[in-house]
């Protein structure tokens, strides 16, 4: 069971790190704009911090739930937990990118309003 949990945490941490890196890359790409670049950089850093914190907590809670509910189903239970964790991380990633897009849109609207 311990080897399955190590595999679970390794793969879940890899997914969390990969999605966090993608949020930073999207923020970096949005930071090329001279008008909204600062908002994109600050927003992406803040969003990644929250994403990692909430994502890591979710991964740990799912692992604890699997240990409590499915202790005798080591491979199947851990793979089910991994699927649930990656699904939740993907949903969080979608929300994080939508929030980043909203931050950049609000910054663009402020710039547009001040130049008129």
N, C-alpha and C. Protein backbone atom coordinates (compact mmCIF):
# COMPACT_ATOMS: atom_id res chain seq x y z
N UNK A 1 0.82 -1.20 0.00
CA UNK A 1 0.00 0.00 0.00
C UNK A 1 0.86 1.25 0.00
N UNK A 2 1.99 1.21 0.69
CA UNK A 2 2.86 2.37 0.77
C UNK A 2 3.42 2.75 -0.59
N UNK A 3 3.78 1.76 -1.39
CA UNK A 3 4.31 2.06 -2.72
C UNK A 3 3.24 2.69 -3.61
N UNK A 4 1.99 2.26 -3.45
CA UNK A 4 0.90 2.86 -4.23
C UNK A 4 0.67 4.31 -3.80
N UNK A 5 0.76 4.57 -2.51
CA UNK A 5 0.59 5.94 -2.04
C UNK A 5 1.73 6.83 -2.51
N UNK A 6 2.93 6.30 -2.54
CA UNK A 6 4.06 7.08 -3.06
C UNK A 6 3.86 7.38 -4.54
N UNK A 7 3.37 6.40 -5.27
CA UNK A 7 3.07 6.62 -6.68
C UNK A 7 1.98 7.68 -6.84
N UNK A 8 0.94 7.58 -6.02
CA UNK A 8 -0.16 8.56 -6.05
C UNK A 8 0.37 9.96 -5.81
N UNK A 9 1.13 10.14 -4.72
CA UNK A 9 1.62 11.47 -4.39
C UNK A 9 2.60 11.98 -5.45
N UNK A 10 3.41 11.11 -6.00
CA UNK A 10 4.34 11.53 -7.05
C UNK A 10 3.62 12.01 -8.29
N UNK A 11 2.63 11.24 -8.75
CA UNK A 11 1.89 11.63 -9.94
C UNK A 11 1.01 12.86 -9.69
N UNK A 12 0.38 12.93 -8.53
CA UNK A 12 -0.46 14.09 -8.21
C UNK A 12 0.40 15.35 -8.08
N UNK A 13 1.57 15.22 -7.46
CA UNK A 13 2.47 16.38 -7.35
C UNK A 13 2.97 16.80 -8.72
N UNK A 14 3.22 15.84 -9.59
CA UNK A 14 3.63 16.16 -10.95
C UNK A 14 2.54 16.91 -11.71
N UNK A 15 1.30 16.47 -11.55
CA UNK A 15 0.18 17.17 -12.19
C UNK A 15 0.02 18.57 -11.63
N UNK A 16 0.14 18.71 -10.32
CA UNK A 16 0.03 20.02 -9.68
C UNK A 16 1.15 20.94 -10.15
N UNK A 17 2.36 20.44 -10.23
CA UNK A 17 3.48 21.25 -10.68
C UNK A 17 3.33 21.63 -12.16
N UNK A 18 2.90 20.70 -12.98
CA UNK A 18 2.73 20.98 -14.40
C UNK A 18 1.65 22.03 -14.65
N UNK A 19 0.53 21.91 -13.97
CA UNK A 19 -0.54 22.89 -14.15
C UNK A 19 -0.15 24.25 -13.60
N UNK A 20 0.59 24.27 -12.50
CA UNK A 20 1.08 25.54 -11.95
C UNK A 20 2.04 26.22 -12.92
N UNK A 21 2.91 25.43 -13.51
CA UNK A 21 3.84 25.96 -14.51
C UNK A 21 3.07 26.54 -15.70
N UNK A 22 2.00 25.88 -16.11
CA UNK A 22 1.21 26.39 -17.24
C UNK A 22 0.54 27.72 -16.88
N UNK A 23 0.06 27.87 -15.66
CA UNK A 23 -0.53 29.15 -15.25
C UNK A 23 0.52 30.24 -15.31
N UNK A 24 1.72 29.95 -14.84
CA UNK A 24 2.80 30.94 -14.90
C UNK A 24 3.17 31.27 -16.34
N UNK A 25 3.19 30.28 -17.22
CA UNK A 25 3.51 30.52 -18.63
C UNK A 25 2.42 31.37 -19.30
N UNK A 26 1.17 31.11 -18.98
CA UNK A 26 0.08 31.91 -19.54
C UNK A 26 0.19 33.35 -19.03
N UNK A 27 0.48 33.51 -17.74
CA UNK A 27 0.68 34.85 -17.18
C UNK A 27 1.86 35.55 -17.82
N UNK A 28 2.91 34.81 -18.10
CA UNK A 28 4.09 35.39 -18.75
C UNK A 28 3.76 35.83 -20.18
N UNK A 29 2.98 35.03 -20.88
CA UNK A 29 2.58 35.41 -22.24
C UNK A 29 1.69 36.65 -22.22
N UNK A 30 0.80 36.73 -21.25
CA UNK A 30 -0.07 37.90 -21.14
C UNK A 30 0.70 39.13 -20.66
N UNK A 31 1.84 38.92 -20.03
CA UNK A 31 2.63 40.04 -19.51
C UNK A 31 3.36 40.80 -20.60
N UNK A 32 3.35 40.31 -21.83
CA UNK A 32 4.00 41.01 -22.93
C UNK A 32 3.30 42.30 -23.31
N UNK A 33 2.04 42.43 -22.96
CA UNK A 33 1.29 43.65 -23.27
C UNK A 33 1.76 44.78 -22.36
N UNK A 34 2.10 45.94 -22.94
CA UNK A 34 2.58 47.04 -22.09
C UNK A 34 1.50 47.62 -21.18
N UNK A 35 0.24 47.49 -21.56
CA UNK A 35 -0.83 48.08 -20.76
C UNK A 35 -1.27 47.19 -19.60
N UNK A 36 -1.30 45.89 -19.81
CA UNK A 36 -1.83 44.97 -18.79
C UNK A 36 -0.78 44.01 -18.26
N UNK A 37 0.48 44.19 -18.62
CA UNK A 37 1.53 43.25 -18.24
C UNK A 37 1.73 43.11 -16.75
N UNK A 38 1.74 44.24 -16.05
CA UNK A 38 1.95 44.16 -14.59
C UNK A 38 0.81 43.43 -13.90
N UNK A 39 -0.41 43.69 -14.35
CA UNK A 39 -1.57 43.00 -13.75
C UNK A 39 -1.50 41.50 -14.03
N UNK A 40 -1.06 41.13 -15.23
CA UNK A 40 -0.97 39.71 -15.59
C UNK A 40 0.09 39.00 -14.75
N UNK A 41 1.24 39.65 -14.57
CA UNK A 41 2.29 39.03 -13.75
C UNK A 41 1.85 38.88 -12.31
N UNK A 42 1.34 39.95 -11.73
CA UNK A 42 0.91 39.88 -10.32
C UNK A 42 -0.24 38.90 -10.16
N UNK A 43 -1.17 38.91 -11.09
CA UNK A 43 -2.30 37.99 -11.01
C UNK A 43 -1.88 36.54 -11.11
N UNK A 44 -0.97 36.25 -12.04
CA UNK A 44 -0.55 34.85 -12.20
C UNK A 44 0.20 34.35 -10.98
N UNK A 45 1.03 35.18 -10.38
CA UNK A 45 1.76 34.75 -9.17
C UNK A 45 0.79 34.48 -8.02
N UNK A 46 -0.17 35.37 -7.85
CA UNK A 46 -1.15 35.20 -6.78
C UNK A 46 -2.02 33.97 -7.01
N UNK A 47 -2.45 33.79 -8.24
CA UNK A 47 -3.31 32.66 -8.57
C UNK A 47 -2.56 31.35 -8.39
N UNK A 48 -1.30 31.29 -8.79
CA UNK A 48 -0.52 30.06 -8.63
C UNK A 48 -0.35 29.71 -7.15
N UNK A 49 -0.13 30.73 -6.32
CA UNK A 49 0.03 30.47 -4.89
C UNK A 49 -1.24 29.84 -4.32
N UNK A 50 -2.39 30.38 -4.68
CA UNK A 50 -3.65 29.80 -4.21
C UNK A 50 -3.92 28.43 -4.79
N UNK A 51 -3.60 28.26 -6.07
CA UNK A 51 -3.83 26.98 -6.74
C UNK A 51 -3.00 25.87 -6.11
N UNK A 52 -1.74 26.16 -5.83
CA UNK A 52 -0.87 25.15 -5.23
C UNK A 52 -1.35 24.80 -3.82
N UNK A 53 -1.72 25.81 -3.06
CA UNK A 53 -2.16 25.56 -1.69
C UNK A 53 -3.44 24.74 -1.65
N UNK A 54 -4.43 25.15 -2.41
CA UNK A 54 -5.69 24.42 -2.43
C UNK A 54 -5.52 23.05 -3.08
N UNK A 55 -4.74 22.99 -4.16
CA UNK A 55 -4.52 21.71 -4.84
C UNK A 55 -3.81 20.70 -3.97
N UNK A 56 -2.79 21.12 -3.25
CA UNK A 56 -2.07 20.21 -2.36
C UNK A 56 -2.98 19.72 -1.23
N UNK A 57 -3.78 20.62 -0.70
CA UNK A 57 -4.73 20.22 0.34
C UNK A 57 -5.74 19.20 -0.18
N UNK A 58 -6.22 19.42 -1.39
CA UNK A 58 -7.16 18.47 -1.99
C UNK A 58 -6.54 17.12 -2.24
N UNK A 59 -5.31 17.11 -2.72
CA UNK A 59 -4.60 15.84 -2.96
C UNK A 59 -4.45 15.06 -1.66
N UNK A 60 -4.10 15.74 -0.60
CA UNK A 60 -3.93 15.08 0.71
C UNK A 60 -5.26 14.57 1.24
N UNK A 61 -6.32 15.37 1.12
CA UNK A 61 -7.64 14.93 1.58
C UNK A 61 -8.13 13.71 0.81
N UNK A 62 -7.90 13.69 -0.49
CA UNK A 62 -8.33 12.53 -1.28
C UNK A 62 -7.55 11.28 -0.86
N UNK A 63 -6.25 11.43 -0.62
CA UNK A 63 -5.45 10.28 -0.17
C UNK A 63 -5.95 9.77 1.18
N UNK A 64 -6.27 10.68 2.08
CA UNK A 64 -6.79 10.26 3.39
C UNK A 64 -8.12 9.54 3.24
N UNK A 65 -8.95 10.03 2.35
CA UNK A 65 -10.24 9.38 2.12
C UNK A 65 -10.09 7.98 1.55
N UNK A 66 -9.13 7.81 0.66
CA UNK A 66 -8.90 6.48 0.09
C UNK A 66 -8.41 5.52 1.16
N UNK A 67 -7.52 5.99 2.01
CA UNK A 67 -7.03 5.12 3.08
C UNK A 67 -8.15 4.70 4.01
N UNK A 68 -9.09 5.59 4.26
CA UNK A 68 -10.18 5.29 5.18
C UNK A 68 -11.26 4.42 4.53
N UNK A 69 -11.58 4.69 3.27
CA UNK A 69 -12.72 4.02 2.63
C UNK A 69 -12.31 2.74 1.91
N UNK A 70 -11.16 2.76 1.24
CA UNK A 70 -10.77 1.62 0.41
C UNK A 70 -9.42 1.03 0.84
N UNK A 71 -9.26 0.65 2.10
CA UNK A 71 -7.95 0.17 2.52
C UNK A 71 -7.53 -1.16 1.90
N UNK A 72 -8.49 -1.96 1.47
CA UNK A 72 -8.16 -3.27 0.93
C UNK A 72 -8.04 -3.27 -0.60
N UNK A 73 -8.37 -2.17 -1.23
CA UNK A 73 -8.31 -2.08 -2.68
C UNK A 73 -7.14 -1.20 -3.09
N UNK A 74 -5.95 -1.63 -2.77
CA UNK A 74 -4.76 -0.79 -2.96
C UNK A 74 -4.60 -0.28 -4.39
N UNK A 75 -4.45 -1.11 -5.41
CA UNK A 75 -4.20 -0.52 -6.73
C UNK A 75 -5.40 0.22 -7.28
N UNK A 76 -6.57 -0.39 -7.22
CA UNK A 76 -7.76 0.24 -7.80
C UNK A 76 -8.16 1.49 -7.03
N UNK A 77 -8.07 1.44 -5.71
CA UNK A 77 -8.45 2.59 -4.90
C UNK A 77 -7.52 3.77 -5.11
N UNK A 78 -6.24 3.49 -5.21
CA UNK A 78 -5.27 4.57 -5.40
C UNK A 78 -5.40 5.16 -6.80
N UNK A 79 -5.64 4.34 -7.80
CA UNK A 79 -5.83 4.86 -9.15
C UNK A 79 -7.12 5.67 -9.26
N UNK A 80 -8.16 5.24 -8.55
CA UNK A 80 -9.39 6.02 -8.52
C UNK A 80 -9.14 7.36 -7.86
N UNK A 81 -8.39 7.35 -6.78
CA UNK A 81 -8.06 8.60 -6.09
C UNK A 81 -7.23 9.50 -6.99
N UNK A 82 -6.30 8.93 -7.72
CA UNK A 82 -5.48 9.73 -8.63
C UNK A 82 -6.34 10.35 -9.72
N UNK A 83 -7.26 9.59 -10.27
CA UNK A 83 -8.17 10.14 -11.27
C UNK A 83 -9.00 11.28 -10.71
N UNK A 84 -9.51 11.12 -9.50
CA UNK A 84 -10.29 12.18 -8.86
C UNK A 84 -9.43 13.40 -8.59
N UNK A 85 -8.21 13.20 -8.13
CA UNK A 85 -7.32 14.33 -7.84
C UNK A 85 -6.98 15.11 -9.11
N UNK A 86 -6.68 14.39 -10.19
CA UNK A 86 -6.34 15.08 -11.44
C UNK A 86 -7.56 15.78 -12.00
N UNK A 87 -8.73 15.19 -11.87
CA UNK A 87 -9.96 15.85 -12.30
C UNK A 87 -10.17 17.15 -11.53
N UNK A 88 -10.01 17.10 -10.23
CA UNK A 88 -10.18 18.30 -9.40
C UNK A 88 -9.12 19.35 -9.73
N UNK A 89 -7.89 18.93 -9.93
CA UNK A 89 -6.83 19.88 -10.30
C UNK A 89 -7.12 20.51 -11.66
N UNK A 90 -7.65 19.74 -12.59
CA UNK A 90 -8.02 20.29 -13.89
C UNK A 90 -9.13 21.32 -13.78
N UNK A 91 -10.12 21.05 -12.95
CA UNK A 91 -11.19 22.02 -12.74
C UNK A 91 -10.65 23.29 -12.07
N UNK A 92 -9.75 23.12 -11.12
CA UNK A 92 -9.12 24.28 -10.49
C UNK A 92 -8.28 25.08 -11.47
N UNK A 93 -7.60 24.38 -12.38
CA UNK A 93 -6.81 25.05 -13.41
C UNK A 93 -7.71 25.88 -14.32
N UNK A 94 -8.84 25.33 -14.70
CA UNK A 94 -9.78 26.06 -15.54
C UNK A 94 -10.25 27.33 -14.85
N UNK A 95 -10.57 27.23 -13.57
CA UNK A 95 -11.00 28.39 -12.81
C UNK A 95 -9.87 29.40 -12.67
N UNK A 96 -8.65 28.93 -12.46
CA UNK A 96 -7.50 29.82 -12.31
C UNK A 96 -7.25 30.61 -13.59
N UNK A 97 -7.33 29.96 -14.73
CA UNK A 97 -7.10 30.65 -16.00
C UNK A 97 -8.23 31.64 -16.28
N UNK A 98 -9.46 31.29 -15.93
CA UNK A 98 -10.57 32.22 -16.10
C UNK A 98 -10.39 33.44 -15.20
N UNK A 99 -9.91 33.25 -14.01
CA UNK A 99 -9.65 34.37 -13.11
C UNK A 99 -8.54 35.25 -13.65
N UNK A 100 -7.49 34.65 -14.18
CA UNK A 100 -6.41 35.42 -14.77
C UNK A 100 -6.90 36.22 -15.97
N UNK A 101 -7.73 35.61 -16.78
CA UNK A 101 -8.30 36.32 -17.93
C UNK A 101 -9.14 37.51 -17.45
N UNK A 102 -9.89 37.34 -16.38
CA UNK A 102 -10.71 38.42 -15.84
C UNK A 102 -9.83 39.56 -15.30
N UNK A 103 -8.74 39.22 -14.65
CA UNK A 103 -7.82 40.24 -14.14
C UNK A 103 -7.26 41.08 -15.28
N UNK A 104 -6.86 40.43 -16.35
CA UNK A 104 -6.29 41.14 -17.49
C UNK A 104 -7.37 41.99 -18.18
N UNK A 105 -8.58 41.46 -18.28
CA UNK A 105 -9.67 42.22 -18.90
C UNK A 105 -10.01 43.46 -18.09
N UNK A 106 -10.01 43.34 -16.77
CA UNK A 106 -10.28 44.51 -15.92
C UNK A 106 -9.17 45.54 -16.03
N UNK A 107 -7.93 45.09 -16.12
CA UNK A 107 -6.81 46.02 -16.28
C UNK A 107 -6.90 46.73 -17.63
N UNK A 108 -7.28 46.01 -18.67
CA UNK A 108 -7.43 46.62 -20.00
C UNK A 108 -8.56 47.64 -20.00
N UNK A 109 -9.64 47.34 -19.29
CA UNK A 109 -10.75 48.28 -19.21
C UNK A 109 -10.34 49.55 -18.47
N UNK A 110 -9.53 49.42 -17.42
CA UNK A 110 -9.07 50.61 -16.69
C UNK A 110 -8.17 51.47 -17.58
N UNK A 111 -7.29 50.82 -18.33
CA UNK A 111 -6.40 51.55 -19.23
C UNK A 111 -7.22 52.25 -20.31
N UNK A 112 -8.19 51.55 -20.84
CA UNK A 112 -9.05 52.12 -21.89
C UNK A 112 -9.84 53.32 -21.36
N UNK A 113 -10.31 53.23 -20.13
CA UNK A 113 -11.10 54.31 -19.54
C UNK A 113 -10.24 55.54 -19.27
N UNK A 114 -8.98 55.36 -18.93
CA UNK A 114 -8.11 56.51 -18.64
C UNK A 114 -7.58 57.18 -19.90
N UNK A 115 -7.56 56.48 -21.02
CA UNK A 115 -7.06 57.07 -22.25
C UNK A 115 -8.14 57.77 -23.06
N UNK A 116 -9.37 57.61 -22.68
CA UNK A 116 -10.46 58.25 -23.43
C UNK A 116 -10.65 59.68 -23.02
